[in-house]
């Protein structure tokens, strides 16, 4: 079972940047599509970004397109989310997740890291 651990959350002012990182415990991580999701108080979990196993294709929610950048380093078993031009509405707990089988729900999830953007 793959364990995922997020880091890099914190408090930042609107317009600022944060970089989240997700470290995987198993090298099988390299075969998985990886995603970032977020959960804000009173809202449903929301897809943020995803990246294919080789890093060749990325996907973004419209709300973060042009501001966030997902990347991965399979040599280090990590996937990062660079968040720029942050807005108060980006405040949420951010989770990384691994999709083991194409088209199936994400199977492995991290514990989440809090991102708070002050206005």
Protein backbone atom coordinates (compact mmCIF):
# COMPACT_ATOMS: atom_id res chain seq x y z
CA UNK A 1 0.00 0.00 0.00
CA UNK A 2 1.34 3.39 -0.97
CA UNK A 3 1.53 6.01 1.75
CA UNK A 4 1.42 9.63 0.74
CA UNK A 5 2.60 12.49 2.94
CA UNK A 6 1.94 16.11 2.06
CA UNK A 7 3.96 19.07 3.25
CA UNK A 8 4.37 22.75 2.51
CA UNK A 9 1.06 24.17 3.61
CA UNK A 10 0.78 27.32 5.66
CA UNK A 11 -0.55 30.84 5.90
CA UNK A 12 0.09 33.28 3.07
CA UNK A 13 -1.30 36.63 2.00
CA UNK A 14 -3.40 36.97 -1.10
CA UNK A 15 -1.16 37.21 -4.15
CA UNK A 16 1.53 35.11 -2.54
CA UNK A 17 2.85 31.68 -3.38
CA UNK A 18 3.22 28.30 -1.74
CA UNK A 19 4.69 25.04 -2.91
CA UNK A 20 3.14 21.81 -1.72
CA UNK A 21 4.97 18.55 -1.91
CA UNK A 22 3.73 14.97 -1.67
CA UNK A 23 6.14 12.14 -0.92
CA UNK A 24 5.27 8.53 -1.69
CA UNK A 25 6.49 5.55 0.29
CA UNK A 26 6.68 3.12 -2.59
CA UNK A 27 8.41 3.23 -5.94
CA UNK A 28 5.26 1.87 -7.54
CA UNK A 29 4.21 5.52 -7.27
CA UNK A 30 6.01 6.00 -10.55
CA UNK A 31 3.32 4.04 -12.38
CA UNK A 32 0.42 6.05 -11.02
CA UNK A 33 -1.37 9.12 -12.18
CA UNK A 34 -1.19 11.61 -9.30
CA UNK A 35 -3.65 14.29 -8.36
CA UNK A 36 -4.16 17.14 -5.95
CA UNK A 37 -7.54 17.82 -4.44
CA UNK A 38 -8.78 20.30 -1.86
CA UNK A 39 -11.52 20.49 0.72
CA UNK A 40 -12.76 23.81 2.00
CA UNK A 41 -15.14 24.24 4.94
CA UNK A 42 -18.73 23.79 3.87
CA UNK A 43 -17.79 22.64 0.40
CA UNK A 44 -17.31 19.33 -1.37
CA UNK A 45 -13.92 17.98 -2.21
CA UNK A 46 -12.65 19.60 -5.39
CA UNK A 47 -10.22 18.43 -8.02
CA UNK A 48 -7.27 20.80 -8.40
CA UNK A 49 -4.71 19.24 -10.71
CA UNK A 50 -3.36 15.92 -11.95
CA UNK A 51 -0.35 14.57 -13.77
CA UNK A 52 0.17 11.35 -15.67
CA UNK A 53 2.74 8.77 -14.58
CA UNK A 54 5.40 10.04 -16.97
CA UNK A 55 4.63 13.69 -16.34
CA UNK A 56 3.80 14.29 -19.97
CA UNK A 57 0.22 15.36 -19.47
CA UNK A 58 -1.26 17.62 -16.84
CA UNK A 59 -4.81 18.59 -15.96
CA UNK A 60 -6.09 21.59 -14.05
CA UNK A 61 -9.35 22.84 -12.66
CA UNK A 62 -10.46 26.02 -14.36
CA UNK A 63 -10.25 27.84 -11.05
CA UNK A 64 -6.48 27.32 -10.80
CA UNK A 65 -5.43 27.20 -14.44
CA UNK A 66 -2.62 29.62 -15.10
CA UNK A 67 -1.84 30.01 -11.40
CA UNK A 68 -0.95 26.48 -10.24
CA UNK A 69 1.62 24.10 -11.69
CA UNK A 70 1.80 20.38 -10.96
CA UNK A 71 5.03 18.48 -11.46
CA UNK A 72 6.57 15.21 -10.39
CA UNK A 73 10.01 13.76 -9.84
CA UNK A 74 9.83 10.00 -10.21
CA UNK A 75 13.44 9.63 -9.11
CA UNK A 76 12.47 11.11 -5.76
CA UNK A 77 8.92 9.73 -5.66
CA UNK A 78 7.43 13.17 -5.17
CA UNK A 79 4.74 15.27 -6.77
CA UNK A 80 4.60 19.01 -6.19
CA UNK A 81 2.01 21.71 -6.58
CA UNK A 82 3.35 25.21 -7.11
CA UNK A 83 0.63 27.69 -6.23
CA UNK A 84 1.00 31.28 -7.35
CA UNK A 85 -1.25 34.33 -7.18
CA UNK A 86 -3.12 32.76 -4.32
CA UNK A 87 -6.60 33.95 -3.48
CA UNK A 88 -8.61 33.68 -0.26
CA UNK A 89 -10.89 31.20 -2.04
CA UNK A 90 -7.90 28.85 -2.38
CA UNK A 91 -8.04 28.31 1.38
CA UNK A 92 -8.57 24.60 2.00
CA UNK A 93 -6.96 21.39 3.11
CA UNK A 94 -5.00 20.06 0.15
CA UNK A 95 -4.64 16.34 -0.45
CA UNK A 96 -2.53 14.39 -2.88
CA UNK A 97 -3.86 11.14 -4.23
CA UNK A 98 -2.78 8.27 -6.44
CA UNK A 99 -4.86 6.71 -9.19
CA UNK A 100 -3.77 3.11 -9.53
CA UNK A 101 -5.99 2.08 -12.42
CA UNK A 102 -6.84 4.35 -15.33
CA UNK A 103 -10.33 5.76 -15.09
CA UNK A 104 -10.88 4.41 -11.61
CA UNK A 105 -11.27 6.48 -8.44
CA UNK A 106 -8.10 7.62 -6.76
CA UNK A 107 -7.13 4.85 -4.41
CA UNK A 108 -4.47 6.25 -2.08
CA UNK A 109 -4.74 9.53 -0.23
CA UNK A 110 -2.49 11.59 1.98
CA UNK A 111 -3.52 13.12 5.28
CA UNK A 112 -3.75 16.63 3.87
CA UNK A 113 -2.02 19.92 4.48
CA UNK A 114 -3.75 23.19 5.38
CA UNK A 115 -3.41 26.19 3.10
CA UNK A 116 -4.81 29.47 4.36
CA UNK A 117 -4.81 32.59 2.22
CA UNK A 118 -5.54 35.84 4.01
CA UNK A 119 -7.06 38.82 2.24
